[in-house]
C-alpha atoms as a PDB file:
ATOM      1  CA  MET A   1     110.275  96.093  84.268  1.00  0.00           C
ATOM      2  CA  PRO A   2     113.785  95.101  83.304  1.00  0.00           C
ATOM      3  CA  ALA A   3     115.774  97.587  81.251  1.00  0.00           C
ATOM      4  CA  LYS A   4     115.896  97.176  77.503  1.00  0.00           C
ATOM      5  CA  GLY A   5     118.613  94.780  76.501  1.00  0.00           C
ATOM      6  CA  TYR A   6     118.385  92.764  79.733  1.00  0.00           C
ATOM      7  CA  ALA A   7     119.403  89.208  78.961  1.00  0.00           C
ATOM      8  CA  PRO A   8     118.005  86.508  81.279  1.00  0.00           C
ATOM      9  CA  GLN A   9     120.684  84.554  83.123  1.00  0.00           C
ATOM     10  CA  PRO A  10     120.611  80.744  83.339  1.00  0.00           C
ATOM     11  CA  GLY A  11     119.216  79.539  86.648  1.00  0.00           C
ATOM     12  CA  ARG A  12     117.596  82.875  87.553  1.00  0.00           C
ATOM     13  CA  ALA A  13     113.894  83.544  87.593  1.00  0.00           C
ATOM     14  CA  PRO A  14     112.646  86.293  85.278  1.00  0.00           C
ATOM     15  CA  GLY A  15     112.907  89.742  86.805  1.00  0.00           C
ATOM     16  CA  MET A  16     115.307  92.544  87.394  1.00  0.00           C
ATOM     17  CA  PRO A  17     119.035  91.985  86.899  1.00  0.00           C
ATOM     18  CA  GLU A  18     121.209  91.574  89.976  1.00  0.00           C
ATOM     19  CA  VAL A  19     122.548  94.795  91.439  1.00  0.00           C
ATOM     20  CA  MET A  20     125.157  94.360  94.151  1.00  0.00           C
ATOM     21  CA  THR A  21     124.250  97.730  95.683  1.00  0.00           C
ATOM     22  CA  ALA A  22     120.556  96.836  96.074  1.00  0.00           C
ATOM     23  CA  GLN A  23     119.149  97.513  99.516  1.00  0.00           C
ATOM     24  CA  ASN A  24     115.635  96.199  98.988  1.00  0.00           C
ATOM     25  CA  PHE A  25     114.535  92.769  97.837  1.00  0.00           C
ATOM     26  CA  ASN A  26     111.067  92.461  96.401  1.00  0.00           C
ATOM     27  CA  ARG A  27     110.576  88.705  96.210  1.00  0.00           C
ATOM     28  CA  ARG A  28     107.602  86.507  96.987  1.00  0.00           C
ATOM     29  CA  ILE A  29     108.262  83.875  99.599  1.00  0.00           C
ATOM     30  CA  SER A  30     106.105  80.970 100.664  1.00  0.00           C
ATOM     31  CA  ALA A  31     104.337  80.829 104.009  1.00  0.00           C
ATOM     32  CA  GLU A  32     106.893  78.228 105.134  1.00  0.00           C
ATOM     33  CA  GLU A  33     109.796  80.516 104.215  1.00  0.00           C
ATOM     34  CA  ALA A  34     108.151  83.437 106.012  1.00  0.00           C
ATOM     35  CA  LEU A  35     107.737  81.252 109.094  1.00  0.00           C
ATOM     36  CA  ILE A  36     111.438  80.309 108.981  1.00  0.00           C
ATOM     37  CA  LEU A  37     112.436  83.983 108.811  1.00  0.00           C
ATOM     38  CA  ALA A  38     110.037  84.935 111.603  1.00  0.00           C
ATOM     39  CA  THR A  39     111.308  82.084 113.766  1.00  0.00           C
ATOM     40  CA  ALA A  40     114.947  83.029 113.130  1.00  0.00           C
ATOM     41  CA  GLY A  41     114.094  86.614 114.095  1.00  0.00           C
ATOM     42  CA  ASP A  42     111.990  85.913 117.180  1.00  0.00           C
ATOM     43  CA  GLY A  43     108.861  87.077 115.377  1.00  0.00           C
ATOM     44  CA  SER A  44     110.513  89.568 112.997  1.00  0.00           C
ATOM     45  CA  LYS A  45     111.135  88.489 109.406  1.00  0.00           C
ATOM     46  CA  THR A  46     113.608  91.369 108.991  1.00  0.00           C
ATOM     47  CA  ASN A  47     115.657  90.297 112.007  1.00  0.00           C
ATOM     48  CA  GLY A  48     115.372  86.688 110.884  1.00  0.00           C
ATOM     49  CA  PHE A  49     116.833  87.587 107.492  1.00  0.00           C
ATOM     50  CA  ARG A  50     119.716  89.407 109.195  1.00  0.00           C
ATOM     51  CA  ASN A  51     120.304  86.469 111.550  1.00  0.00           C
ATOM     52  CA  LEU A  52     120.425  84.050 108.627  1.00  0.00           C
ATOM     53  CA  LEU A  53     122.944  86.313 106.880  1.00  0.00           C
ATOM     54  CA  ASP A  54     125.076  86.283 110.041  1.00  0.00           C
ATOM     55  CA  LEU A  55     124.805  82.497 110.197  1.00  0.00           C
ATOM     56  CA  TYR A  56     125.853  82.132 106.562  1.00  0.00           C
ATOM     57  CA  GLN A  57     128.818  84.446 107.161  1.00  0.00           C
ATOM     58  CA  GLU A  58     130.006  82.240 110.040  1.00  0.00           C
ATOM     59  CA  LEU A  59     129.617  79.087 107.935  1.00  0.00           C
ATOM     60  CA  HIS A  60     131.469  80.741 105.046  1.00  0.00           C
ATOM     61  CA  ASN A  61     134.306  81.723 107.378  1.00  0.00           C
ATOM     62  CA  MET A  62     134.510  78.066 108.444  1.00  0.00           C
ATOM     63  CA  GLY A  63     134.933  77.021 104.803  1.00  0.00           C
ATOM     64  CA  TYR A  64     131.372  76.238 103.726  1.00  0.00           C
ATOM     65  CA  ARG A  65     130.446  77.086 100.147  1.00  0.00           C
ATOM     66  CA  CYS A  66     126.908  77.084  98.739  1.00  0.00           C
ATOM     67  CA  ASP A  67     127.650  74.242  96.314  1.00  0.00           C
ATOM     68  CA  GLN A  68     128.333  71.839  99.213  1.00  0.00           C
ATOM     69  CA  PRO A  69     125.641  69.806 100.954  1.00  0.00           C
ATOM     70  CA  LEU A  70     125.253  71.470 104.359  1.00  0.00           C
ATOM     71  CA  LYS A  71     124.903  68.251 106.360  1.00  0.00           C
ATOM     72  CA  GLU A  72     128.009  66.799 104.720  1.00  0.00           C
ATOM     73  CA  PHE A  73     129.966  69.948 105.585  1.00  0.00           C
ATOM     74  CA  LEU A  74     128.785  69.917 109.204  1.00  0.00           C
ATOM     75  CA  VAL A  75     129.715  66.240 109.622  1.00  0.00           C
ATOM     76  CA  GLY A  76     133.157  67.036 108.206  1.00  0.00           C
ATOM     77  CA  GLN A  77     133.498  69.781 110.800  1.00  0.00           C
ATOM     78  CA  GLU A  78     132.600  67.295 113.545  1.00  0.00           C
ATOM     79  CA  ILE A  79     129.570  69.407 114.478  1.00  0.00           C
ATOM     80  CA  CYS A  80     126.915  67.255 116.075  1.00  0.00           C
ATOM     81  CA  ILE A  81     123.713  67.095 114.011  1.00  0.00           C
ATOM     82  CA  ASN A  82     120.741  64.790 114.282  1.00  0.00           C
END
């Protein structure tokens, strides 16, 4: 349970407050999300999560920010998408 005095933050689901030093994430994901992680990790959801973090780091280094539509960013980078 959250500590006493924990104030919910707008846009966040109820639960524990964010801790930047957290090493474990206990979140429920849908079957579709689990499949995406497993696919990205060649059958391993853990490796898939790490691969997606690596991918996001590369996109961030290229200038992408999470408030931008991804397709719009990729078109602006002249990266071919279908």
